[in-house]
Amino acid sequence: SEVFIPIQCEYYALEGLSQLLKNIELVRKHLNPAL
C-alpha cells in the first residue's frame, strides 16, 4: 500500500523519478488503488 523511495543526494537524484511516479500512478489507477 506504500512506496518507500530512497534518493541519493547527488546530481542525478531526481532523474527518472518522474517516470517512477508515473508508473506508480498507473499501478494505482489500474491494479492497486491504495498505492
Full PDB file with SEQRES, HELIX, SHEET, SSBOND, CRYST1, ORIGX, SCALE, CONECT and MASTER records, all heavy atoms in Angstrom:
SEQRES   1 A   35  SER GLU VAL PHE ILE PRO ILE GLN CYS GLU TYR TYR ALA          
SEQRES   2 A   35  LEU GLU GLY LEU SER GLN LEU LEU LYS ASN ILE GLU LEU          
SEQRES   3 A   35  VAL ARG LYS HIS LEU ASN PRO ALA LEU                          
HELIX    1 AA1 LEU A   17  HIS A   30  1                                  14    
CRYST1    1.000    1.000    1.000  90.00  90.00  90.00 P 1           1          
ORIGX1      1.000000  0.000000  0.000000        0.00000                         
ORIGX2      0.000000  1.000000  0.000000        0.00000                         
ORIGX3      0.000000  0.000000  1.000000        0.00000                         
SCALE1      1.000000  0.000000  0.000000        0.00000                         
SCALE2      0.000000  1.000000  0.000000        0.00000                         
SCALE3      0.000000  0.000000  1.000000        0.00000                         
ATOM      1  N   SER A   1       0.836  -1.201   0.000  1.00  0.00           N  
ATOM      2  CA  SER A   1       0.000   0.000   0.000  1.00  0.00           C  
ATOM      3  C   SER A   1       0.872   1.252   0.000  1.00  0.00           C  
ATOM      4  O   SER A   1       0.395   2.333  -0.332  1.00  0.00           O  
ATOM      5  CB  SER A   1      -0.925   0.014   1.220  1.00  0.00           C  
ATOM      6  OG  SER A   1      -0.169  -0.046   2.412  1.00  0.00           O  
ATOM      7  N   GLU A   2       2.151   1.089   0.367  1.00  0.00           N  
ATOM      8  CA  GLU A   2       3.051   2.239   0.464  1.00  0.00           C  
ATOM      9  C   GLU A   2       4.295   2.029  -0.397  1.00  0.00           C  
ATOM     10  O   GLU A   2       4.803   0.908  -0.491  1.00  0.00           O  
ATOM     11  CB  GLU A   2       3.490   2.470   1.913  1.00  0.00           C  
ATOM     12  CG  GLU A   2       2.340   2.673   2.887  1.00  0.00           C  
ATOM     13  CD  GLU A   2       2.833   2.892   4.304  1.00  0.00           C  
ATOM     14  OE1 GLU A   2       3.777   3.696   4.487  1.00  0.00           O  
ATOM     15  OE2 GLU A   2       2.289   2.258   5.229  1.00  0.00           O  
ATOM     16  N   VAL A   3       4.775   3.121  -0.981  1.00  0.00           N  
ATOM     17  CA  VAL A   3       6.049   3.106  -1.695  1.00  0.00           C  
ATOM     18  C   VAL A   3       7.055   3.923  -0.892  1.00  0.00           C  
ATOM     19  O   VAL A   3       6.770   5.046  -0.476  1.00  0.00           O  
ATOM     20  CB  VAL A   3       5.923   3.676  -3.123  1.00  0.00           C  
ATOM     21  CG1 VAL A   3       7.279   3.608  -3.839  1.00  0.00           C  
ATOM     22  CG2 VAL A   3       4.879   2.900  -3.913  1.00  0.00           C  
ATOM     23  N   PHE A   4       8.217   3.349  -0.687  1.00  0.00           N  
ATOM     24  CA  PHE A   4       9.310   3.949   0.084  1.00  0.00           C  
ATOM     25  C   PHE A   4      10.449   4.178  -0.903  1.00  0.00           C  
ATOM     26  O   PHE A   4      11.005   3.226  -1.448  1.00  0.00           O  
ATOM     27  CB  PHE A   4       9.695   2.958   1.199  1.00  0.00           C  
ATOM     28  CG  PHE A   4      10.799   3.404   2.121  1.00  0.00           C  
ATOM     29  CD1 PHE A   4      11.043   2.683   3.278  1.00  0.00           C  
ATOM     30  CD2 PHE A   4      11.611   4.493   1.867  1.00  0.00           C  
ATOM     31  CE1 PHE A   4      12.045   3.043   4.156  1.00  0.00           C  
ATOM     32  CE2 PHE A   4      12.620   4.865   2.730  1.00  0.00           C  
ATOM     33  CZ  PHE A   4      12.843   4.141   3.871  1.00  0.00           C  
ATOM     34  N   ILE A   5      10.780   5.449  -1.164  1.00  0.00           N  
ATOM     35  CA  ILE A   5      11.779   5.777  -2.192  1.00  0.00           C  
ATOM     36  C   ILE A   5      13.055   6.329  -1.562  1.00  0.00           C  
ATOM     37  O   ILE A   5      13.038   7.414  -0.981  1.00  0.00           O  
ATOM     38  CB  ILE A   5      11.228   6.814  -3.193  1.00  0.00           C  
ATOM     39  CG1 ILE A   5       9.897   6.349  -3.788  1.00  0.00           C  
ATOM     40  CG2 ILE A   5      12.232   7.067  -4.304  1.00  0.00           C  
ATOM     41  CD1 ILE A   5       9.255   7.355  -4.733  1.00  0.00           C  
ATOM     42  N   PRO A   6      14.180   5.594  -1.668  1.00  0.00           N  
ATOM     43  CA  PRO A   6      15.463   6.180  -1.283  1.00  0.00           C  
ATOM     44  C   PRO A   6      15.990   7.041  -2.440  1.00  0.00           C  
ATOM     45  O   PRO A   6      15.935   6.627  -3.598  1.00  0.00           O  
ATOM     46  CB  PRO A   6      16.374   4.964  -1.061  1.00  0.00           C  
ATOM     47  CG  PRO A   6      15.489   3.756  -1.226  1.00  0.00           C  
ATOM     48  CD  PRO A   6      14.312   4.185  -2.016  1.00  0.00           C  
ATOM     49  N   ILE A   7      16.475   8.223  -2.111  1.00  0.00           N  
ATOM     50  CA  ILE A   7      17.031   9.131  -3.128  1.00  0.00           C  
ATOM     51  C   ILE A   7      18.423   9.575  -2.680  1.00  0.00           C  
ATOM     52  O   ILE A   7      18.576  10.108  -1.579  1.00  0.00           O  
ATOM     53  CB  ILE A   7      16.141  10.367  -3.331  1.00  0.00           C  
ATOM     54  CG1 ILE A   7      14.760   9.950  -3.853  1.00  0.00           C  
ATOM     55  CG2 ILE A   7      16.783  11.353  -4.298  1.00  0.00           C  
ATOM     56  CD1 ILE A   7      13.811  11.115  -4.065  1.00  0.00           C  
ATOM     57  N   GLN A   8      19.426   9.346  -3.515  1.00  0.00           N  
ATOM     58  CA  GLN A   8      20.773   9.749  -3.141  1.00  0.00           C  
ATOM     59  C   GLN A   8      20.959  11.255  -3.342  1.00  0.00           C  
ATOM     60  O   GLN A   8      20.359  11.859  -4.242  1.00  0.00           O  
ATOM     61  CB  GLN A   8      21.813   8.987  -3.968  1.00  0.00           C  
ATOM     62  CG  GLN A   8      21.797   9.311  -5.448  1.00  0.00           C  
ATOM     63  CD  GLN A   8      22.733   8.452  -6.257  1.00  0.00           C  
ATOM     64  OE1 GLN A   8      22.343   7.867  -7.258  1.00  0.00           O  
ATOM     65  NE2 GLN A   8      23.969   8.361  -5.829  1.00  0.00           N  
ATOM     66  N   CYS A   9      21.765  11.849  -2.490  1.00  0.00           N  
ATOM     67  CA  CYS A   9      21.992  13.298  -2.546  1.00  0.00           C  
ATOM     68  C   CYS A   9      23.087  13.627  -3.554  1.00  0.00           C  
ATOM     69  O   CYS A   9      24.169  14.108  -3.199  1.00  0.00           O  
ATOM     70  CB  CYS A   9      22.348  13.820  -1.157  1.00  0.00           C  
ATOM     71  SG  CYS A   9      21.009  13.668   0.019  1.00  0.00           S  
ATOM     72  N   GLU A  10      22.804  13.342  -4.824  1.00  0.00           N  
ATOM     73  CA  GLU A  10      23.753  13.617  -5.885  1.00  0.00           C  
ATOM     74  C   GLU A  10      23.017  14.220  -7.076  1.00  0.00           C  
ATOM     75  O   GLU A  10      21.793  14.285  -7.107  1.00  0.00           O  
ATOM     76  CB  GLU A  10      24.508  12.336  -6.268  1.00  0.00           C  
ATOM     77  CG  GLU A  10      25.394  11.827  -5.134  1.00  0.00           C  
ATOM     78  CD  GLU A  10      26.293  10.691  -5.558  1.00  0.00           C  
ATOM     79  OE1 GLU A  10      26.211  10.259  -6.724  1.00  0.00           O  
ATOM     80  OE2 GLU A  10      27.082  10.229  -4.718  1.00  0.00           O  
ATOM     81  N   TYR A  11      23.796  14.609  -8.079  1.00  0.00           N  
ATOM     82  CA  TYR A  11      23.284  15.427  -9.175  1.00  0.00           C  
ATOM     83  C   TYR A  11      22.095  14.793  -9.896  1.00  0.00           C  
ATOM     84  O   TYR A  11      21.139  15.469 -10.235  1.00  0.00           O  
ATOM     85  CB  TYR A  11      24.411  15.702 -10.170  1.00  0.00           C  
ATOM     86  CG  TYR A  11      23.992  16.575 -11.333  1.00  0.00           C  
ATOM     87  CD1 TYR A  11      23.767  17.942 -11.149  1.00  0.00           C  
ATOM     88  CD2 TYR A  11      23.790  16.040 -12.593  1.00  0.00           C  
ATOM     89  CE1 TYR A  11      23.374  18.741 -12.196  1.00  0.00           C  
ATOM     90  CE2 TYR A  11      23.399  16.834 -13.643  1.00  0.00           C  
ATOM     91  CZ  TYR A  11      23.187  18.184 -13.452  1.00  0.00           C  
ATOM     92  OH  TYR A  11      22.794  18.974 -14.482  1.00  0.00           O  
ATOM     93  N   TYR A  12      22.151  13.474 -10.118  1.00  0.00           N  
ATOM     94  CA  TYR A  12      21.102  12.818 -10.887  1.00  0.00           C  
ATOM     95  C   TYR A  12      19.971  12.281  -9.998  1.00  0.00           C  
ATOM     96  O   TYR A  12      19.214  11.405 -10.397  1.00  0.00           O  
ATOM     97  CB  TYR A  12      21.684  11.659 -11.705  1.00  0.00           C  
ATOM     98  CG  TYR A  12      22.643  12.109 -12.777  1.00  0.00           C  
ATOM     99  CD1 TYR A  12      23.987  11.790 -12.712  1.00  0.00           C  
ATOM    100  CD2 TYR A  12      22.199  12.860 -13.866  1.00  0.00           C  
ATOM    101  CE1 TYR A  12      24.876  12.198 -13.689  1.00  0.00           C  
ATOM    102  CE2 TYR A  12      23.074  13.277 -14.857  1.00  0.00           C  
ATOM    103  CZ  TYR A  12      24.409  12.944 -14.762  1.00  0.00           C  
ATOM    104  OH  TYR A  12      25.290  13.361 -15.734  1.00  0.00           O  
ATOM    105  N   ALA A  13      19.871  12.803  -8.797  1.00  0.00           N  
ATOM    106  CA  ALA A  13      18.918  12.262  -7.824  1.00  0.00           C  
ATOM    107  C   ALA A  13      17.488  12.194  -8.358  1.00  0.00           C  
ATOM    108  O   ALA A  13      16.782  11.199  -8.174  1.00  0.00           O  
ATOM    109  CB  ALA A  13      18.962  13.092  -6.549  1.00  0.00           C  
ATOM    110  N   LEU A  14      17.039  13.280  -8.983  1.00  0.00           N  
ATOM    111  CA  LEU A  14      15.639  13.341  -9.420  1.00  0.00           C  
ATOM    112  C   LEU A  14      15.437  12.811 -10.834  1.00  0.00           C  
ATOM    113  O   LEU A  14      14.315  12.768 -11.322  1.00  0.00           O  
ATOM    114  CB  LEU A  14      15.134  14.783  -9.326  1.00  0.00           C  
ATOM    115  CG  LEU A  14      15.156  15.386  -7.917  1.00  0.00           C  
ATOM    116  CD1 LEU A  14      14.731  16.843  -7.942  1.00  0.00           C  
ATOM    117  CD2 LEU A  14      14.278  14.595  -6.974  1.00  0.00           C  
ATOM    118  N   GLU A  15      16.545  12.433 -11.488  1.00  0.00           N  
ATOM    119  CA  GLU A  15      16.424  11.915 -12.854  1.00  0.00           C  
ATOM    120  C   GLU A  15      15.707  10.563 -12.818  1.00  0.00           C  
ATOM    121  O   GLU A  15      16.089   9.655 -12.105  1.00  0.00           O  
ATOM    122  CB  GLU A  15      17.813  11.749 -13.484  1.00  0.00           C  
ATOM    123  CG  GLU A  15      17.747  11.388 -14.965  1.00  0.00           C  
ATOM    124  CD  GLU A  15      19.132  11.402 -15.601  1.00  0.00           C  
ATOM    125  OE1 GLU A  15      19.654  12.490 -15.877  1.00  0.00           O  
ATOM    126  OE2 GLU A  15      19.697  10.320 -15.786  1.00  0.00           O  
ATOM    127  N   GLY A  16      14.696  10.422 -13.593  1.00  0.00           N  
ATOM    128  CA  GLY A  16      13.940   9.173 -13.626  1.00  0.00           C  
ATOM    129  C   GLY A  16      12.859   9.083 -12.572  1.00  0.00           C  
ATOM    130  O   GLY A  16      12.015   8.191 -12.627  1.00  0.00           O  
ATOM    131  N   LEU A  17      12.873  10.002 -11.597  1.00  0.00           N  
ATOM    132  CA  LEU A  17      11.863   9.928 -10.538  1.00  0.00           C  
ATOM    133  C   LEU A  17      10.469  10.205 -11.089  1.00  0.00           C  
ATOM    134  O   LEU A  17       9.495   9.583 -10.667  1.00  0.00           O  
ATOM    135  CB  LEU A  17      12.197  10.919  -9.420  1.00  0.00           C  
ATOM    136  CG  LEU A  17      11.293  10.880  -8.187  1.00  0.00           C  
ATOM    137  CD1 LEU A  17      11.291   9.496  -7.561  1.00  0.00           C  
ATOM    138  CD2 LEU A  17      11.736  11.921  -7.171  1.00  0.00           C  
ATOM    139  N   SER A  18      10.387  11.122 -12.050  1.00  0.00           N  
ATOM    140  CA  SER A  18       9.080  11.428 -12.633  1.00  0.00           C  
ATOM    141  C   SER A  18       8.493  10.199 -13.323  1.00  0.00           C  
ATOM    142  O   SER A  18       7.283   9.939 -13.232  1.00  0.00           O  
ATOM    143  CB  SER A  18       9.185  12.590 -13.621  1.00  0.00           C  
ATOM    144  OG  SER A  18      10.062  12.260 -14.680  1.00  0.00           O  
ATOM    145  N   GLN A  19       9.349   9.404 -13.994  1.00  0.00           N  
ATOM    146  CA  GLN A  19       8.864   8.190 -14.644  1.00  0.00           C  
ATOM    147  C   GLN A  19       8.411   7.161 -13.610  1.00  0.00           C  
ATOM    148  O   GLN A  19       7.396   6.477 -13.797  1.00  0.00           O  
ATOM    149  CB  GLN A  19       9.958   7.586 -15.529  1.00  0.00           C  
ATOM    150  CG  GLN A  19       9.499   6.390 -16.359  1.00  0.00           C  
ATOM    151  CD  GLN A  19       8.353   6.738 -17.294  1.00  0.00           C  
ATOM    152  OE1 GLN A  19       8.377   7.753 -17.985  1.00  0.00           O  
ATOM    153  NE2 GLN A  19       7.323   5.894 -17.315  1.00  0.00           N  
ATOM    154  N   LEU A  20       9.146   7.069 -12.513  1.00  0.00           N  
ATOM    155  CA  LEU A  20       8.747   6.163 -11.431  1.00  0.00           C  
ATOM    156  C   LEU A  20       7.387   6.557 -10.882  1.00  0.00           C  
ATOM    157  O   LEU A  20       6.512   5.714 -10.679  1.00  0.00           O  
ATOM    158  CB  LEU A  20       9.801   6.192 -10.319  1.00  0.00           C  
ATOM    159  CG  LEU A  20       9.457   5.414  -9.039  1.00  0.00           C  
ATOM    160  CD1 LEU A  20       9.303   3.932  -9.327  1.00  0.00           C  
ATOM    161  CD2 LEU A  20      10.536   5.638  -7.975  1.00  0.00           C  
ATOM    162  N   LEU A  21       7.178   7.852 -10.669  1.00  0.00           N  
ATOM    163  CA  LEU A  21       5.900   8.332 -10.137  1.00  0.00           C  
ATOM    164  C   LEU A  21       4.756   8.074 -11.122  1.00  0.00           C  
ATOM    165  O   LEU A  21       3.641   7.747 -10.712  1.00  0.00           O  
ATOM    166  CB  LEU A  21       6.002   9.821  -9.805  1.00  0.00           C  
ATOM    167  CG  LEU A  21       6.977  10.178  -8.679  1.00  0.00           C  
ATOM    168  CD1 LEU A  21       7.079  11.690  -8.529  1.00  0.00           C  
ATOM    169  CD2 LEU A  21       6.572   9.527  -7.373  1.00  0.00           C  
ATOM    170  N   LYS A  22       5.041   8.193 -12.419  1.00  0.00           N  
ATOM    171  CA  LYS A  22       4.026   7.900 -13.430  1.00  0.00           C  
ATOM    172  C   LYS A  22       3.631   6.425 -13.388  1.00  0.00           C  
ATOM    173  O   LYS A  22       2.446   6.072 -13.512  1.00  0.00           O  
ATOM    174  CB  LYS A  22       4.543   8.264 -14.818  1.00  0.00           C  
ATOM    175  CG  LYS A  22       4.616   9.760 -15.097  1.00  0.00           C  
ATOM    176  CD  LYS A  22       5.179  10.042 -16.479  1.00  0.00           C  
ATOM    177  CE  LYS A  22       5.318  11.537 -16.718  1.00  0.00           C  
ATOM    178  NZ  LYS A  22       5.962  11.833 -18.036  1.00  0.00           N  
ATOM    179  N   ASN A  23       4.633   5.563 -13.223  1.00  0.00           N  
ATOM    180  CA  ASN A  23       4.340   4.130 -13.155  1.00  0.00           C  
ATOM    181  C   ASN A  23       3.568   3.779 -11.885  1.00  0.00           C  
ATOM    182  O   ASN A  23       2.680   2.925 -11.918  1.00  0.00           O  
ATOM    183  CB  ASN A  23       5.643   3.325 -13.232  1.00  0.00           C  
ATOM    184  CG  ASN A  23       6.157   3.184 -14.651  1.00  0.00           C  
ATOM    185  OD1 ASN A  23       5.759   2.293 -15.389  1.00  0.00           O  
ATOM    186  ND2 ASN A  23       7.043   4.079 -15.033  1.00  0.00           N  
ATOM    187  N   ILE A  24       3.911   4.421 -10.800  1.00  0.00           N  
ATOM    188  CA  ILE A  24       3.160   4.204  -9.558  1.00  0.00           C  
ATOM    189  C   ILE A  24       1.708   4.627  -9.746  1.00  0.00           C  
ATOM    190  O   ILE A  24       0.775   3.934  -9.311  1.00  0.00           O  
ATOM    191  CB  ILE A  24       3.808   4.983  -8.398  1.00  0.00           C  
ATOM    192  CG1 ILE A  24       5.168   4.371  -8.045  1.00  0.00           C  
ATOM    193  CG2 ILE A  24       2.895   4.998  -7.166  1.00  0.00           C  
ATOM    194  CD1 ILE A  24       5.992   5.207  -7.094  1.00  0.00           C  
ATOM    195  N   GLU A  25       1.506   5.741 -10.429  1.00  0.00           N  
ATOM    196  CA  GLU A  25       0.148   6.226 -10.676  1.00  0.00           C  
ATOM    197  C   GLU A  25      -0.629   5.260 -11.576  1.00  0.00           C  
ATOM    198  O   GLU A  25      -1.825   5.023 -11.373  1.00  0.00           O  
ATOM    199  CB  GLU A  25       0.207   7.616 -11.313  1.00  0.00           C  
ATOM    200  CG  GLU A  25      -1.147   8.224 -11.650  1.00  0.00           C  
ATOM    201  CD  GLU A  25      -2.061   8.377 -10.440  1.00  0.00           C  
ATOM    202  OE1 GLU A  25      -1.539   8.476  -9.300  1.00  0.00           O  
ATOM    203  OE2 GLU A  25      -3.291   8.376 -10.626  1.00  0.00           O  
ATOM    204  N   LEU A  26       0.044   4.674 -12.576  1.00  0.00           N  
ATOM    205  CA  LEU A  26      -0.613   3.697 -13.452  1.00  0.00           C  
ATOM    206  C   LEU A  26      -1.037   2.465 -12.660  1.00  0.00           C  
ATOM    207  O   LEU A  26      -2.147   1.953 -12.845  1.00  0.00           O  
ATOM    208  CB  LEU A  26       0.330   3.296 -14.591  1.00  0.00           C  
ATOM    209  CG  LEU A  26       0.497   4.302 -15.728  1.00  0.00           C  
ATOM    210  CD1 LEU A  26       1.594   3.848 -16.689  1.00  0.00           C  
ATOM    211  CD2 LEU A  26      -0.824   4.470 -16.486  1.00  0.00           C  
ATOM    212  N   VAL A  27      -0.157   1.974 -11.799  1.00  0.00           N  
ATOM    213  CA  VAL A  27      -0.496   0.819 -10.970  1.00  0.00           C  
ATOM    214  C   VAL A  27      -1.651   1.173 -10.034  1.00  0.00           C  
ATOM    215  O   VAL A  27      -2.583   0.383  -9.833  1.00  0.00           O  
ATOM    216  CB  VAL A  27       0.735   0.346 -10.165  1.00  0.00           C  
ATOM    217  CG1 VAL A  27       0.342  -0.740  -9.164  1.00  0.00           C  
ATOM    218  CG2 VAL A  27       1.819  -0.175 -11.099  1.00  0.00           C  
ATOM    219  N   ARG A  28      -1.589   2.362  -9.446  1.00  0.00           N  
ATOM    220  CA  ARG A  28      -2.665   2.801  -8.547  1.00  0.00           C  
ATOM    221  C   ARG A  28      -4.002   2.858  -9.280  1.00  0.00           C  
ATOM    222  O   ARG A  28      -5.041   2.438  -8.741  1.00  0.00           O  
ATOM    223  CB  ARG A  28      -2.324   4.174  -7.971  1.00  0.00           C  
ATOM    224  CG  ARG A  28      -3.239   4.607  -6.821  1.00  0.00           C  
ATOM    225  CD  ARG A  28      -3.058   6.064  -6.490  1.00  0.00           C  
ATOM    226  NE  ARG A  28      -3.530   6.915  -7.570  1.00  0.00           N  
ATOM    227  CZ  ARG A  28      -4.815   7.165  -7.822  1.00  0.00           C  
ATOM    228  NH1 ARG A  28      -5.752   6.646  -7.070  1.00  0.00           N  
ATOM    229  NH2 ARG A  28      -5.157   7.928  -8.832  1.00  0.00           N  
ATOM    230  N   LYS A  29      -3.978   3.328 -10.501  1.00  0.00           N  
ATOM    231  CA  LYS A  29      -5.218   3.507 -11.269  1.00  0.00           C  
ATOM    232  C   LYS A  29      -5.807   2.179 -11.733  1.00  0.00           C  
ATOM    233  O   LYS A  29      -7.028   1.996 -11.718  1.00  0.00           O  
ATOM    234  CB  LYS A  29      -4.933   4.404 -12.472  1.00  0.00           C  
ATOM    235  CG  LYS A  29      -6.156   4.752 -13.298  1.00  0.00           C  
ATOM    236  CD  LYS A  29      -5.802   5.721 -14.416  1.00  0.00           C  
ATOM    237  CE  LYS A  29      -7.026   6.077 -15.237  1.00  0.00           C  
ATOM    238  NZ  LYS A  29      -6.681   7.031 -16.342  1.00  0.00           N  
ATOM    239  N   HIS A  30      -4.950   1.245 -12.141  1.00  0.00           N  
ATOM    240  CA  HIS A  30      -5.450   0.031 -12.784  1.00  0.00           C  
ATOM    241  C   HIS A  30      -5.390  -1.229 -11.922  1.00  0.00           C  
ATOM    242  O   HIS A  30      -6.153  -2.174 -12.152  1.00  0.00           O  
ATOM    243  CB  HIS A  30      -4.666  -0.233 -14.077  1.00  0.00           C  
ATOM    244  CG  HIS A  30      -4.831   0.834 -15.109  1.00  0.00           C  
ATOM    245  ND1 HIS A  30      -5.983   1.013 -15.835  1.00  0.00           N  
ATOM    246  CD2 HIS A  30      -3.974   1.807 -15.531  1.00  0.00           C  
ATOM    247  CE1 HIS A  30      -5.843   2.043 -16.670  1.00  0.00           C  
ATOM    248  NE2 HIS A  30      -4.637   2.537 -16.487  1.00  0.00           N  
ATOM    249  N   LEU A  31      -4.478  -1.272 -10.927  1.00  0.00           N  
ATOM    250  CA  LEU A  31      -4.273  -2.525 -10.207  1.00  0.00           C  
ATOM    251  C   LEU A  31      -4.383  -2.415  -8.686  1.00  0.00           C  
ATOM    252  O   LEU A  31      -4.769  -3.373  -8.024  1.00  0.00           O  
ATOM    253  CB  LEU A  31      -2.878  -3.101 -10.553  1.00  0.00           C  
ATOM    254  CG  LEU A  31      -2.660  -3.527 -12.003  1.00  0.00           C  
ATOM    255  CD1 LEU A  31      -1.174  -3.793 -12.249  1.00  0.00           C  
ATOM    256  CD2 LEU A  31      -3.476  -4.768 -12.314  1.00  0.00           C  
ATOM    257  N   ASN A  32      -4.014  -1.257  -8.119  1.00  0.00           N  
ATOM    258  CA  ASN A  32      -3.959  -1.147  -6.668  1.00  0.00           C  
ATOM    259  C   ASN A  32      -4.291   0.281  -6.227  1.00  0.00           C  
ATOM    260  O   ASN A  32      -3.397   1.113  -6.063  1.00  0.00           O  
ATOM    261  CB  ASN A  32      -2.557  -1.546  -6.175  1.00  0.00           C  
ATOM    262  CG  ASN A  32      -2.439  -1.514  -4.658  1.00  0.00           C  
ATOM    263  OD1 ASN A  32      -3.412  -1.301  -3.943  1.00  0.00           O  
ATOM    264  ND2 ASN A  32      -1.226  -1.729  -4.168  1.00  0.00           N  
ATOM    265  N   PRO A  33      -5.563   0.576  -6.015  1.00  0.00           N  
ATOM    266  CA  PRO A  33      -5.979   1.951  -5.673  1.00  0.00           C  
ATOM    267  C   PRO A  33      -5.388   2.472  -4.364  1.00  0.00           C  
ATOM    268  O   PRO A  33      -5.323   3.680  -4.151  1.00  0.00           O  
ATOM    269  CB  PRO A  33      -7.513   1.831  -5.552  1.00  0.00           C  
ATOM    270  CG  PRO A  33      -7.867   0.602  -6.298  1.00  0.00           C  
ATOM    271  CD  PRO A  33      -6.710  -0.330  -6.151  1.00  0.00           C  
ATOM    272  N   ALA A  34      -4.931   1.578  -3.492  1.00  0.00           N  
ATOM    273  CA  ALA A  34      -4.394   2.009  -2.197  1.00  0.00           C  
ATOM    274  C   ALA A  34      -2.940   2.457  -2.265  1.00  0.00           C  
ATOM    275  O   ALA A  34      -2.414   3.027  -1.312  1.00  0.00           O  
ATOM    276  CB  ALA A  34      -4.520   0.862  -1.189  1.00  0.00           C  
ATOM    277  N   LEU A  35      -2.285   2.226  -3.395  1.00  0.00           N  
ATOM    278  CA  LEU A  35      -0.847   2.510  -3.504  1.00  0.00           C  
ATOM    279  C   LEU A  35      -0.567   4.012  -3.484  1.00  0.00           C  
ATOM    280  O   LEU A  35      -1.215   4.788  -4.179  1.00  0.00           O  
ATOM    281  CB  LEU A  35      -0.297   1.901  -4.795  1.00  0.00           C  
ATOM    282  CG  LEU A  35       1.224   1.913  -4.949  1.00  0.00           C  
ATOM    283  CD1 LEU A  35       1.882   0.997  -3.923  1.00  0.00           C  
ATOM    284  CD2 LEU A  35       1.623   1.496  -6.369  1.00  0.00           C  
TER     285      LEU A  35                                                      
MASTER        0    0    0    1    0    0    0    6  284    1    0    3          
END                                                                             
